[in-house]
């Protein structure tokens, strides 16, 4: 780690590569016109919490759930996630 001094404050700069964190959709299934199931895989090294979603239809209308109590996905695990659209 390299340390730089600027304006009397300490700034730390790391030259180490950061781990890549990835979620990927492995499959999806439309259950009804307003219900979708996604199979999501966490390829990262730490758990990922899903906290909100936004869906845009072919007409450009958006449906969002910003207070969704979604699941936490452990590393190297795929889970099924249900997305509801109540437009």
C-alpha atoms as a PDB file:
ATOM      1  CA  UNK A   1       0.000   0.000   0.000  1.00  0.00           C
ATOM      2  CA  UNK A   2       1.311   3.402  -0.967  1.00  0.00           C
ATOM      3  CA  UNK A   3       0.633   6.401   1.278  1.00  0.00           C
ATOM      4  CA  UNK A   4       0.315   9.915  -0.078  1.00  0.00           C
ATOM      5  CA  UNK A   5       0.179  13.148   1.892  1.00  0.00           C
ATOM      6  CA  UNK A   6      -1.934  15.997   0.584  1.00  0.00           C
ATOM      7  CA  UNK A   7      -3.231  19.110   2.355  1.00  0.00           C
ATOM      8  CA  UNK A   8      -2.071  17.758   5.719  1.00  0.00           C
ATOM      9  CA  UNK A   9      -4.371  14.729   5.447  1.00  0.00           C
ATOM     10  CA  UNK A  10      -3.383  11.117   4.964  1.00  0.00           C
ATOM     11  CA  UNK A  11      -4.703   9.392   1.846  1.00  0.00           C
ATOM     12  CA  UNK A  12      -4.151   5.650   1.357  1.00  0.00           C
ATOM     13  CA  UNK A  13      -4.034   4.184  -2.133  1.00  0.00           C
ATOM     14  CA  UNK A  14      -4.085   0.430  -2.615  1.00  0.00           C
ATOM     15  CA  UNK A  15      -2.400  -1.032  -5.677  1.00  0.00           C
ATOM     16  CA  UNK A  16      -3.758  -4.532  -4.957  1.00  0.00           C
ATOM     17  CA  UNK A  17      -6.424  -5.839  -7.369  1.00  0.00           C
ATOM     18  CA  UNK A  18      -9.924  -5.900  -5.915  1.00  0.00           C
ATOM     19  CA  UNK A  19     -11.941  -9.130  -6.005  1.00  0.00           C
ATOM     20  CA  UNK A  20     -14.672  -9.268  -8.619  1.00  0.00           C
ATOM     21  CA  UNK A  21     -18.156  -9.633  -7.173  1.00  0.00           C
ATOM     22  CA  UNK A  22     -20.761 -10.999  -9.549  1.00  0.00           C
ATOM     23  CA  UNK A  23     -24.424 -11.980  -9.517  1.00  0.00           C
ATOM     24  CA  UNK A  24     -25.722 -13.725 -12.612  1.00  0.00           C
ATOM     25  CA  UNK A  25     -29.184 -14.762 -13.754  1.00  0.00           C
ATOM     26  CA  UNK A  26     -28.993 -18.436 -14.655  1.00  0.00           C
ATOM     27  CA  UNK A  27     -32.610 -18.775 -15.738  1.00  0.00           C
ATOM     28  CA  UNK A  28     -35.995 -17.110 -15.582  1.00  0.00           C
ATOM     29  CA  UNK A  29     -39.615 -18.202 -15.846  1.00  0.00           C
ATOM     30  CA  UNK A  30     -42.770 -16.148 -16.306  1.00  0.00           C
ATOM     31  CA  UNK A  31     -45.371 -17.639 -13.978  1.00  0.00           C
ATOM     32  CA  UNK A  32     -48.087 -15.105 -14.875  1.00  0.00           C
ATOM     33  CA  UNK A  33     -47.997 -11.749 -16.677  1.00  0.00           C
ATOM     34  CA  UNK A  34     -47.201 -10.099 -13.302  1.00  0.00           C
ATOM     35  CA  UNK A  35     -45.015 -12.760 -11.673  1.00  0.00           C
ATOM     36  CA  UNK A  36     -41.472 -13.773 -12.627  1.00  0.00           C
ATOM     37  CA  UNK A  37     -39.071 -16.230 -11.018  1.00  0.00           C
ATOM     38  CA  UNK A  38     -35.331 -15.630 -11.471  1.00  0.00           C
ATOM     39  CA  UNK A  39     -32.606 -18.124 -10.599  1.00  0.00           C
ATOM     40  CA  UNK A  40     -29.674 -15.963  -9.430  1.00  0.00           C
ATOM     41  CA  UNK A  41     -26.142 -17.242  -8.773  1.00  0.00           C
ATOM     42  CA  UNK A  42     -23.675 -15.443  -6.479  1.00  0.00           C
ATOM     43  CA  UNK A  43     -20.244 -15.979  -8.049  1.00  0.00           C
ATOM     44  CA  UNK A  44     -18.576 -13.626  -5.566  1.00  0.00           C
ATOM     45  CA  UNK A  45     -16.722 -14.274  -2.326  1.00  0.00           C
ATOM     46  CA  UNK A  46     -19.232 -12.665   0.046  1.00  0.00           C
ATOM     47  CA  UNK A  47     -23.001 -12.817   0.628  1.00  0.00           C
ATOM     48  CA  UNK A  48     -25.163 -10.428  -1.404  1.00  0.00           C
ATOM     49  CA  UNK A  49     -28.423  -8.939  -0.114  1.00  0.00           C
ATOM     50  CA  UNK A  50     -31.111  -8.046  -2.631  1.00  0.00           C
ATOM     51  CA  UNK A  51     -32.939  -4.968  -1.345  1.00  0.00           C
ATOM     52  CA  UNK A  52     -34.916  -3.499  -4.270  1.00  0.00           C
ATOM     53  CA  UNK A  53     -35.900  -4.081  -7.871  1.00  0.00           C
ATOM     54  CA  UNK A  54     -37.229  -2.179 -10.860  1.00  0.00           C
ATOM     55  CA  UNK A  55     -38.923  -3.702 -13.918  1.00  0.00           C
ATOM     56  CA  UNK A  56     -39.567  -1.901 -17.211  1.00  0.00           C
ATOM     57  CA  UNK A  57     -42.115  -3.318 -19.647  1.00  0.00           C
ATOM     58  CA  UNK A  58     -42.127  -3.062 -23.446  1.00  0.00           C
ATOM     59  CA  UNK A  59     -44.274   0.112 -23.273  1.00  0.00           C
ATOM     60  CA  UNK A  60     -41.676   1.813 -21.074  1.00  0.00           C
ATOM     61  CA  UNK A  61     -43.741   1.657 -17.867  1.00  0.00           C
ATOM     62  CA  UNK A  62     -41.678   1.016 -14.747  1.00  0.00           C
ATOM     63  CA  UNK A  63     -42.650  -1.010 -11.687  1.00  0.00           C
ATOM     64  CA  UNK A  64     -40.386  -0.672  -8.665  1.00  0.00           C
ATOM     65  CA  UNK A  65     -40.205  -2.096  -5.179  1.00  0.00           C
ATOM     66  CA  UNK A  66     -37.669  -0.072  -3.221  1.00  0.00           C
ATOM     67  CA  UNK A  67     -38.484  -1.609   0.163  1.00  0.00           C
ATOM     68  CA  UNK A  68     -38.356  -5.243  -0.910  1.00  0.00           C
ATOM     69  CA  UNK A  69     -37.249  -7.622   1.861  1.00  0.00           C
ATOM     70  CA  UNK A  70     -35.336  -9.731  -0.631  1.00  0.00           C
ATOM     71  CA  UNK A  71     -33.102 -12.675   0.182  1.00  0.00           C
ATOM     72  CA  UNK A  72     -29.394 -12.781   0.978  1.00  0.00           C
ATOM     73  CA  UNK A  73     -27.479 -15.044  -1.400  1.00  0.00           C
ATOM     74  CA  UNK A  74     -24.450 -16.856   0.064  1.00  0.00           C
ATOM     75  CA  UNK A  75     -21.256 -17.185  -2.014  1.00  0.00           C
ATOM     76  CA  UNK A  76     -21.266 -19.937  -4.663  1.00  0.00           C
ATOM     77  CA  UNK A  77     -25.025 -20.518  -4.270  1.00  0.00           C
ATOM     78  CA  UNK A  78     -27.933 -20.154  -6.706  1.00  0.00           C
ATOM     79  CA  UNK A  79     -31.399 -19.325  -5.376  1.00  0.00           C
ATOM     80  CA  UNK A  80     -34.822 -18.721  -6.894  1.00  0.00           C
ATOM     81  CA  UNK A  81     -36.192 -15.215  -6.442  1.00  0.00           C
ATOM     82  CA  UNK A  82     -39.812 -14.255  -7.097  1.00  0.00           C
ATOM     83  CA  UNK A  83     -40.482 -10.816  -8.626  1.00  0.00           C
ATOM     84  CA  UNK A  84     -44.037  -9.431  -8.452  1.00  0.00           C
ATOM     85  CA  UNK A  85     -45.338  -6.613 -10.643  1.00  0.00           C
ATOM     86  CA  UNK A  86     -48.532  -5.098  -9.351  1.00  0.00           C
ATOM     87  CA  UNK A  87     -48.880  -2.260 -11.856  1.00  0.00           C
END
